[in-house]
Amino acid sequence: MSRYGFSFGSEIAPVGVDLAYDDKIRLFADKLTQADAILVGGASGMSAASGFRHYYEPDEHFVRQMSAFRDKYGYQSGFDGLYHRYQNSRERWGFLPIGLA
């Protein structure tokens, strides 16, 4: 075990450890119960995994909720609206409730 604890990623076991899947689950559960704290790192992939794809692509939500912004500014996704340089704060605040919903 490293100074920072174990890392259990997709198909990756700690270096030098070749365990069966059930053994990995048991080891993970043991480490979890012994931990003082748990840090879960997540980024935009978590929202995509939950079905929120409008940040990345023009899905149904994007077309339904953001078509006016798409037509006016040429957005292809919700991220386009988050990073757009609006001419004034009123336009930006007009986008935020829709783009982040």
Protein backbone atom coordinates (compact mmCIF):
# COMPACT_ATOMS: atom_id res chain seq x y z
CA MET A 1 0.00 0.00 0.00
CA SER A 2 1.32 3.40 -0.89
CA ARG A 3 1.43 6.36 1.42
CA TYR A 4 -1.75 7.64 -0.24
CA GLY A 5 -3.75 4.44 0.00
CA PHE A 6 -5.14 2.18 -2.68
CA SER A 7 -6.49 3.19 -6.04
CA PHE A 8 -9.09 0.94 -7.60
CA GLY A 9 -9.66 2.00 -11.18
CA SER A 10 -11.15 0.28 -14.18
CA GLU A 11 -9.45 -3.09 -14.51
CA ILE A 12 -6.34 -1.85 -12.63
CA ALA A 13 -5.14 -3.62 -9.51
CA PRO A 14 -2.40 -2.23 -7.25
CA VAL A 15 1.06 -2.93 -8.66
CA GLY A 16 2.19 -6.48 -8.01
CA VAL A 17 -1.28 -7.70 -7.05
CA ASP A 18 -3.15 -10.17 -9.22
CA LEU A 19 -6.42 -10.90 -7.47
CA ALA A 20 -9.67 -12.41 -8.58
CA TYR A 21 -12.61 -10.01 -8.84
CA ASP A 22 -14.28 -11.21 -5.62
CA ASP A 23 -11.00 -10.81 -3.74
CA LYS A 24 -10.65 -7.26 -5.08
CA ILE A 25 -14.15 -6.44 -3.83
CA ARG A 26 -13.39 -7.86 -0.38
CA LEU A 27 -10.08 -5.98 -0.21
CA PHE A 28 -11.81 -2.77 -1.29
CA ALA A 29 -14.55 -3.22 1.32
CA ASP A 30 -11.93 -3.83 4.02
CA LYS A 31 -9.97 -0.71 3.05
CA LEU A 32 -13.19 1.28 2.90
CA THR A 33 -14.19 0.34 6.44
CA GLN A 34 -10.67 1.14 7.73
CA ALA A 35 -10.44 4.52 6.04
CA ASP A 36 -10.51 7.73 8.05
CA ALA A 37 -11.98 9.55 5.07
CA ILE A 38 -13.06 8.84 1.51
CA LEU A 39 -12.31 11.14 -1.38
CA VAL A 40 -14.35 10.61 -4.53
CA GLY A 41 -13.02 12.39 -7.58
CA GLY A 42 -15.46 13.14 -10.30
CA ALA A 43 -15.55 15.43 -13.25
CA SER A 44 -17.83 16.04 -16.15
CA GLY A 45 -17.91 12.35 -16.95
CA MET A 46 -20.20 11.81 -13.99
CA SER A 47 -22.84 14.10 -15.46
CA ALA A 48 -22.52 12.36 -18.83
CA ALA A 49 -22.91 8.97 -17.15
CA SER A 50 -26.09 10.28 -15.51
CA GLY A 51 -27.52 11.23 -18.88
CA PHE A 52 -26.64 14.94 -18.93
CA ARG A 53 -25.10 15.00 -22.39
CA HIS A 54 -26.25 18.54 -23.31
CA TYR A 55 -22.96 19.90 -22.03
CA TYR A 56 -21.13 18.06 -24.82
CA GLU A 57 -23.54 17.59 -27.68
CA PRO A 58 -26.83 18.91 -29.03
CA ASP A 59 -29.13 16.33 -27.41
CA GLU A 60 -32.89 16.70 -26.88
CA HIS A 61 -32.45 18.96 -23.84
CA PHE A 62 -30.04 21.23 -25.69
CA VAL A 63 -32.35 21.56 -28.68
CA ARG A 64 -35.44 22.13 -26.50
CA GLN A 65 -33.92 24.50 -23.92
CA MET A 66 -31.09 26.27 -25.73
CA SER A 67 -32.22 26.61 -29.35
CA ALA A 68 -32.48 30.41 -29.05
CA PHE A 69 -28.86 30.60 -27.89
CA ARG A 70 -27.81 28.12 -30.57
CA ASP A 71 -29.48 30.25 -33.25
CA LYS A 72 -28.13 33.55 -31.93
CA TYR A 73 -24.57 32.52 -31.01
CA GLY A 74 -24.01 29.30 -32.96
CA TYR A 75 -23.60 27.08 -29.89
CA GLN A 76 -23.13 23.38 -30.49
CA SER A 77 -23.30 22.41 -26.81
CA GLY A 78 -23.92 23.79 -23.34
CA PHE A 79 -20.19 24.27 -22.78
CA ASP A 80 -20.14 26.72 -25.68
CA GLY A 81 -22.48 28.93 -23.67
CA LEU A 82 -20.46 28.66 -20.47
CA TYR A 83 -17.30 29.91 -22.15
CA HIS A 84 -18.82 32.44 -24.52
CA ARG A 85 -17.74 36.08 -24.09
CA TYR A 86 -21.10 37.79 -23.76
CA GLN A 87 -21.38 41.50 -24.46
CA ASN A 88 -23.03 42.12 -21.12
CA SER A 89 -23.86 40.33 -17.88
CA ARG A 90 -27.58 40.31 -18.66
CA GLU A 91 -27.02 37.98 -21.62
CA ARG A 92 -24.73 35.73 -19.57
CA TRP A 93 -27.19 35.53 -16.69
CA GLY A 94 -29.92 34.81 -19.22
CA PHE A 95 -28.02 31.74 -20.34
CA LEU A 96 -26.91 30.34 -16.96
CA PRO A 97 -30.27 29.11 -15.59
CA ILE A 98 -31.03 27.37 -18.87
CA GLY A 99 -27.55 26.07 -19.62
CA LEU A 100 -26.97 24.60 -16.19
CA ALA A 101 -30.42 23.06 -15.70
